[in-house]
Amino acid sequence: MIARPDSSLRFRFATVDDVAAIVSVVERAYRADDAGWTTEAHLIGGRRTGADEVEQLVGSATGGLLTLSDHGDIVATCHLDRRADHAYFGMFAVDPARQARGFGAALLAEAERVAREEWGSPRMRMTVISARTDLIAWYARRGYRPTGGTSPFPYGDARFGEPRVAGLRFDELEKPLV
């Protein structure tokens, strides 16, 4: 459950003024060795994102970066994008110091609400590294199911990090929103 009263929590799409805070949250959540169960540091090193990529997502005409702030501090973020027949959810990150307080579940629920009610999307899709079984189980408890679709990890593309293991791939998950 969320530790703070609802009045201190704010959902909104990010602006360019939020870029540094978002990069910090994402890097700590995905790459820090001490980020708990959400880290990918054992699978992938290097950067997860940078200011250039975050600025591009902030300026997207089809979505952006949805944030959750607690007392003005960004504590969670995700990429949300409108596609032809679904909404795409990605780059989901919760500040490791604030995990296990319900912020992630709250942001996911808000992303689903935006996709369903504001965009009219019939479903949400995402891709998750198949080796992240704990994370896939977390999404399954929230109604996401594998579509059977997979895609290879982009080995050799430093924008996605430096793989520390062989055989990485993405599994596609989907949840109906209607």
C-alpha atoms as a PDB file:
ATOM      1  CA  MET A   1       0.000   0.000   0.000  1.00  0.00           C
ATOM      2  CA  ILE A   2       1.149   3.547  -0.670  1.00  0.00           C
ATOM      3  CA  ALA A   3       2.796   4.992   2.424  1.00  0.00           C
ATOM      4  CA  ARG A   4       1.774   8.622   1.796  1.00  0.00           C
ATOM      5  CA  PRO A   5      -1.682  10.227   1.862  1.00  0.00           C
ATOM      6  CA  ASP A   6      -3.193  10.532  -1.599  1.00  0.00           C
ATOM      7  CA  SER A   7      -3.008  14.324  -1.374  1.00  0.00           C
ATOM      8  CA  SER A   8       0.804  14.210  -1.652  1.00  0.00           C
ATOM      9  CA  LEU A   9       0.749  12.046  -4.793  1.00  0.00           C
ATOM     10  CA  ARG A  10       0.535  13.509  -8.297  1.00  0.00           C
ATOM     11  CA  PHE A  11       0.401  11.793 -11.681  1.00  0.00           C
ATOM     12  CA  ARG A  12       1.412  13.808 -14.730  1.00  0.00           C
ATOM     13  CA  PHE A  13       3.275  13.574 -17.983  1.00  0.00           C
ATOM     14  CA  ALA A  14       6.874  14.727 -17.747  1.00  0.00           C
ATOM     15  CA  THR A  15       8.273  17.935 -19.160  1.00  0.00           C
ATOM     16  CA  VAL A  16      11.841  18.745 -20.192  1.00  0.00           C
ATOM     17  CA  ASP A  17      12.387  20.093 -16.672  1.00  0.00           C
ATOM     18  CA  ASP A  18      12.017  16.501 -15.380  1.00  0.00           C
ATOM     19  CA  VAL A  19      14.660  14.883 -17.595  1.00  0.00           C
ATOM     20  CA  ALA A  20      17.495  14.722 -15.025  1.00  0.00           C
ATOM     21  CA  ALA A  21      15.225  13.348 -12.291  1.00  0.00           C
ATOM     22  CA  ILE A  22      13.813  10.702 -14.628  1.00  0.00           C
ATOM     23  CA  VAL A  23      17.243   9.582 -15.829  1.00  0.00           C
ATOM     24  CA  SER A  24      18.341   9.272 -12.203  1.00  0.00           C
ATOM     25  CA  VAL A  25      15.332   7.157 -11.175  1.00  0.00           C
ATOM     26  CA  VAL A  26      15.619   4.902 -14.233  1.00  0.00           C
ATOM     27  CA  GLU A  27      19.366   4.364 -13.898  1.00  0.00           C
ATOM     28  CA  ARG A  28      19.128   3.536 -10.200  1.00  0.00           C
ATOM     29  CA  ALA A  29      16.163   1.190 -10.688  1.00  0.00           C
ATOM     30  CA  TYR A  30      17.655  -0.732 -13.625  1.00  0.00           C
ATOM     31  CA  ARG A  31      21.412  -0.645 -13.106  1.00  0.00           C
ATOM     32  CA  ALA A  32      22.215  -0.255  -9.393  1.00  0.00           C
ATOM     33  CA  ASP A  33      23.540  -3.418  -7.748  1.00  0.00           C
ATOM     34  CA  ASP A  34      21.598  -2.609  -4.581  1.00  0.00           C
ATOM     35  CA  ALA A  35      18.247  -1.836  -6.257  1.00  0.00           C
ATOM     36  CA  GLY A  36      16.568  -4.979  -4.974  1.00  0.00           C
ATOM     37  CA  TRP A  37      14.598  -7.325  -7.164  1.00  0.00           C
ATOM     38  CA  THR A  38      14.000  -4.746  -9.890  1.00  0.00           C
ATOM     39  CA  THR A  39      17.602  -4.353 -10.996  1.00  0.00           C
ATOM     40  CA  GLU A  40      18.927  -5.757 -14.253  1.00  0.00           C
ATOM     41  CA  ALA A  41      22.554  -5.191 -13.189  1.00  0.00           C
ATOM     42  CA  HIS A  42      23.227  -8.952 -13.076  1.00  0.00           C
ATOM     43  CA  LEU A  43      22.072  -9.231 -16.697  1.00  0.00           C
ATOM     44  CA  ILE A  44      23.016  -5.916 -18.291  1.00  0.00           C
ATOM     45  CA  GLY A  45      25.618  -3.267 -17.484  1.00  0.00           C
ATOM     46  CA  GLY A  46      26.168   0.220 -18.836  1.00  0.00           C
ATOM     47  CA  ARG A  47      23.502   2.834 -19.100  1.00  0.00           C
ATOM     48  CA  ARG A  48      19.778   2.097 -19.328  1.00  0.00           C
ATOM     49  CA  THR A  49      18.859   5.482 -20.739  1.00  0.00           C
ATOM     50  CA  GLY A  50      20.218   8.976 -21.143  1.00  0.00           C
ATOM     51  CA  ALA A  51      18.996  12.534 -21.266  1.00  0.00           C
ATOM     52  CA  ASP A  52      18.842  12.407 -25.073  1.00  0.00           C
ATOM     53  CA  GLU A  53      16.439   9.461 -25.091  1.00  0.00           C
ATOM     54  CA  VAL A  54      14.338  10.818 -22.242  1.00  0.00           C
ATOM     55  CA  GLU A  55      14.007  14.212 -23.960  1.00  0.00           C
ATOM     56  CA  GLN A  56      12.843  12.455 -27.119  1.00  0.00           C
ATOM     57  CA  LEU A  57      10.174  10.519 -25.185  1.00  0.00           C
ATOM     58  CA  VAL A  58       9.038  13.677 -23.362  1.00  0.00           C
ATOM     59  CA  GLY A  59       8.510  15.361 -26.726  1.00  0.00           C
ATOM     60  CA  SER A  60       6.621  12.448 -28.297  1.00  0.00           C
ATOM     61  CA  ALA A  61       3.413  13.315 -30.144  1.00  0.00           C
ATOM     62  CA  THR A  62       1.930   9.883 -29.358  1.00  0.00           C
ATOM     63  CA  GLY A  63       2.591   9.638 -25.627  1.00  0.00           C
ATOM     64  CA  GLY A  64       5.348  10.447 -23.218  1.00  0.00           C
ATOM     65  CA  LEU A  65       6.707   9.657 -19.794  1.00  0.00           C
ATOM     66  CA  LEU A  66       4.057   9.384 -17.121  1.00  0.00           C
ATOM     67  CA  THR A  67       5.367  10.206 -13.661  1.00  0.00           C
ATOM     68  CA  LEU A  68       4.278   9.745 -10.080  1.00  0.00           C
ATOM     69  CA  SER A  69       5.502  12.378  -7.650  1.00  0.00           C
ATOM     70  CA  ASP A  70       5.363  12.251  -3.880  1.00  0.00           C
ATOM     71  CA  HIS A  71       5.675  15.649  -2.205  1.00  0.00           C
ATOM     72  CA  GLY A  72       7.071  17.007  -5.480  1.00  0.00           C
ATOM     73  CA  ASP A  73       9.773  14.339  -5.983  1.00  0.00           C
ATOM     74  CA  ILE A  74       9.465  11.961  -8.929  1.00  0.00           C
ATOM     75  CA  VAL A  75       9.352   8.494  -7.368  1.00  0.00           C
ATOM     76  CA  ALA A  76       8.235   6.468 -10.409  1.00  0.00           C
ATOM     77  CA  THR A  77       8.010   6.802 -14.166  1.00  0.00           C
ATOM     78  CA  CYS A  78       7.000   4.857 -17.247  1.00  0.00           C
ATOM     79  CA  HIS A  79       6.924   5.308 -20.986  1.00  0.00           C
ATOM     80  CA  LEU A  80       3.376   5.273 -22.323  1.00  0.00           C
ATOM     81  CA  ASP A  81       2.712   5.396 -26.059  1.00  0.00           C
ATOM     82  CA  ARG A  82      -0.386   5.171 -28.270  1.00  0.00           C
ATOM     83  CA  ARG A  83      -0.104   2.591 -31.028  1.00  0.00           C
ATOM     84  CA  ALA A  84      -2.587   1.633 -33.733  1.00  0.00           C
ATOM     85  CA  ASP A  85      -4.357  -1.123 -31.791  1.00  0.00           C
ATOM     86  CA  HIS A  86      -2.912  -0.882 -28.277  1.00  0.00           C
ATOM     87  CA  ALA A  87      -1.011   1.249 -25.796  1.00  0.00           C
ATOM     88  CA  TYR A  88       2.643   0.445 -25.154  1.00  0.00           C
ATOM     89  CA  PHE A  89       4.057   0.473 -21.618  1.00  0.00           C
ATOM     90  CA  GLY A  90       7.810   0.513 -21.049  1.00  0.00           C
ATOM     91  CA  MET A  91      10.802   1.905 -19.179  1.00  0.00           C
ATOM     92  CA  PHE A  92       8.956   1.373 -15.904  1.00  0.00           C
ATOM     93  CA  ALA A  93      11.029   2.472 -12.920  1.00  0.00           C
ATOM     94  CA  VAL A  94      10.457   3.127  -9.235  1.00  0.00           C
ATOM     95  CA  ASP A  95      13.078   4.838  -7.075  1.00  0.00           C
ATOM     96  CA  PRO A  96      14.747   1.880  -5.304  1.00  0.00           C
ATOM     97  CA  ALA A  97      14.642   3.733  -1.964  1.00  0.00           C
ATOM     98  CA  ARG A  98      10.856   3.916  -2.281  1.00  0.00           C
ATOM     99  CA  GLN A  99      10.008   0.470  -3.587  1.00  0.00           C
ATOM    100  CA  ALA A 100       7.570  -1.902  -1.880  1.00  0.00           C
ATOM    101  CA  ARG A 101       5.256   0.984  -0.940  1.00  0.00           C
ATOM    102  CA  GLY A 102       2.743   0.633  -3.763  1.00  0.00           C
ATOM    103  CA  PHE A 103       4.107   3.389  -6.004  1.00  0.00           C
ATOM    104  CA  GLY A 104       4.732   0.991  -8.901  1.00  0.00           C
ATOM    105  CA  ALA A 105       1.286  -0.567  -8.730  1.00  0.00           C
ATOM    106  CA  ALA A 106      -0.276   2.904  -8.517  1.00  0.00           C
ATOM    107  CA  LEU A 107       1.616   4.156 -11.575  1.00  0.00           C
ATOM    108  CA  LEU A 108       0.771   1.033 -13.585  1.00  0.00           C
ATOM    109  CA  ALA A 109      -2.914   1.459 -12.697  1.00  0.00           C
ATOM    110  CA  GLU A 110      -2.808   5.113 -13.765  1.00  0.00           C
ATOM    111  CA  ALA A 111      -1.090   4.205 -17.044  1.00  0.00           C
ATOM    112  CA  GLU A 112      -3.832   1.656 -17.715  1.00  0.00           C
ATOM    113  CA  ARG A 113      -6.492   4.255 -16.888  1.00  0.00           C
ATOM    114  CA  VAL A 114      -4.977   6.822 -19.256  1.00  0.00           C
ATOM    115  CA  ALA A 115      -4.692   4.246 -22.044  1.00  0.00           C
ATOM    116  CA  ARG A 116      -8.256   2.999 -21.552  1.00  0.00           C
ATOM    117  CA  GLU A 117     -10.193   6.160 -20.662  1.00  0.00           C
ATOM    118  CA  GLU A 118      -8.270   8.957 -22.374  1.00  0.00           C
ATOM    119  CA  TRP A 119      -6.885   7.142 -25.410  1.00  0.00           C
ATOM    120  CA  GLY A 120      -9.515   4.437 -25.914  1.00  0.00           C
ATOM    121  CA  SER A 121      -6.907   1.686 -26.168  1.00  0.00           C
ATOM    122  CA  PRO A 122      -8.387  -1.812 -25.902  1.00  0.00           C
ATOM    123  CA  ARG A 123      -5.183  -3.350 -24.518  1.00  0.00           C
ATOM    124  CA  MET A 124      -1.761  -2.606 -23.047  1.00  0.00           C
ATOM    125  CA  ARG A 125       1.366  -4.311 -24.325  1.00  0.00           C
ATOM    126  CA  MET A 126       4.917  -4.379 -23.069  1.00  0.00           C
ATOM    127  CA  THR A 127       8.137  -6.276 -23.578  1.00  0.00           C
ATOM    128  CA  VAL A 128      10.118  -7.725 -20.681  1.00  0.00           C
ATOM    129  CA  ILE A 129      13.477  -9.487 -20.700  1.00  0.00           C
ATOM    130  CA  SER A 130      12.543 -13.162 -20.471  1.00  0.00           C
ATOM    131  CA  ALA A 131      15.137 -13.814 -17.747  1.00  0.00           C
ATOM    132  CA  ARG A 132      13.277 -11.375 -15.449  1.00  0.00           C
ATOM    133  CA  THR A 133      10.948 -14.082 -14.139  1.00  0.00           C
ATOM    134  CA  ASP A 134      10.140 -12.242 -10.869  1.00  0.00           C
ATOM    135  CA  LEU A 135       9.094  -9.174 -12.844  1.00  0.00           C
ATOM    136  CA  ILE A 136       7.023 -11.225 -15.291  1.00  0.00           C
ATOM    137  CA  ALA A 137       5.293 -12.848 -12.299  1.00  0.00           C
ATOM    138  CA  TRP A 138       4.581  -9.370 -10.844  1.00  0.00           C
ATOM    139  CA  TYR A 139       2.907  -8.361 -14.112  1.00  0.00           C
ATOM    140  CA  ALA A 140       1.006 -11.677 -14.253  1.00  0.00           C
ATOM    141  CA  ARG A 141      -0.504 -10.901 -10.839  1.00  0.00           C
ATOM    142  CA  ARG A 142      -1.811  -7.688 -12.408  1.00  0.00           C
ATOM    143  CA  GLY A 143      -3.447  -9.450 -15.351  1.00  0.00           C
ATOM    144  CA  TYR A 144      -0.695  -9.449 -17.986  1.00  0.00           C
ATOM    145  CA  ARG A 145      -0.261 -12.596 -20.057  1.00  0.00           C
ATOM    146  CA  PRO A 146       2.355 -13.669 -22.623  1.00  0.00           C
ATOM    147  CA  THR A 147       1.274 -13.180 -26.225  1.00  0.00           C
ATOM    148  CA  GLY A 148       3.830 -15.670 -27.518  1.00  0.00           C
ATOM    149  CA  GLY A 149       5.629 -12.848 -29.278  1.00  0.00           C
ATOM    150  CA  THR A 150       9.357 -12.470 -28.686  1.00  0.00           C
ATOM    151  CA  SER A 151      12.111 -10.254 -30.005  1.00  0.00           C
ATOM    152  CA  PRO A 152      15.884 -10.518 -29.730  1.00  0.00           C
ATOM    153  CA  PHE A 153      17.888  -8.326 -27.382  1.00  0.00           C
ATOM    154  CA  PRO A 154      19.785  -5.734 -29.455  1.00  0.00           C
ATOM    155  CA  TYR A 155      23.306  -7.012 -28.730  1.00  0.00           C
ATOM    156  CA  GLY A 156      25.941  -4.525 -29.856  1.00  0.00           C
ATOM    157  CA  ASP A 157      23.703  -1.470 -29.457  1.00  0.00           C
ATOM    158  CA  ALA A 158      25.087   0.438 -26.448  1.00  0.00           C
ATOM    159  CA  ARG A 159      21.821   2.405 -26.131  1.00  0.00           C
ATOM    160  CA  PHE A 160      20.330  -0.729 -24.546  1.00  0.00           C
ATOM    161  CA  GLY A 161      23.257  -1.496 -22.255  1.00  0.00           C
ATOM    162  CA  GLU A 162      26.045  -4.027 -22.241  1.00  0.00           C
ATOM    163  CA  PRO A 163      24.732  -7.594 -21.867  1.00  0.00           C
ATOM    164  CA  ARG A 164      26.517  -9.674 -19.249  1.00  0.00           C
ATOM    165  CA  VAL A 165      24.886 -12.952 -20.314  1.00  0.00           C
ATOM    166  CA  ALA A 166      24.114 -14.645 -23.606  1.00  0.00           C
ATOM    167  CA  GLY A 167      20.670 -15.515 -24.899  1.00  0.00           C
ATOM    168  CA  LEU A 168      18.713 -12.465 -23.762  1.00  0.00           C
ATOM    169  CA  ARG A 169      15.389 -11.842 -25.476  1.00  0.00           C
ATOM    170  CA  PHE A 170      12.208  -9.886 -24.867  1.00  0.00           C
ATOM    171  CA  ASP A 171       8.847 -11.541 -24.231  1.00  0.00           C
ATOM    172  CA  GLU A 172       5.708  -9.620 -25.105  1.00  0.00           C
ATOM    173  CA  LEU A 173       2.986  -9.361 -22.444  1.00  0.00           C
ATOM    174  CA  GLU A 174      -0.523  -8.023 -22.916  1.00  0.00           C
ATOM    175  CA  LYS A 175      -3.555  -7.128 -20.815  1.00  0.00           C
ATOM    176  CA  PRO A 176      -7.044  -6.305 -22.075  1.00  0.00           C
ATOM    177  CA  LEU A 177      -8.172  -2.893 -20.834  1.00  0.00           C
ATOM    178  CA  VAL A 178     -11.863  -3.146 -21.705  1.00  0.00           C
END
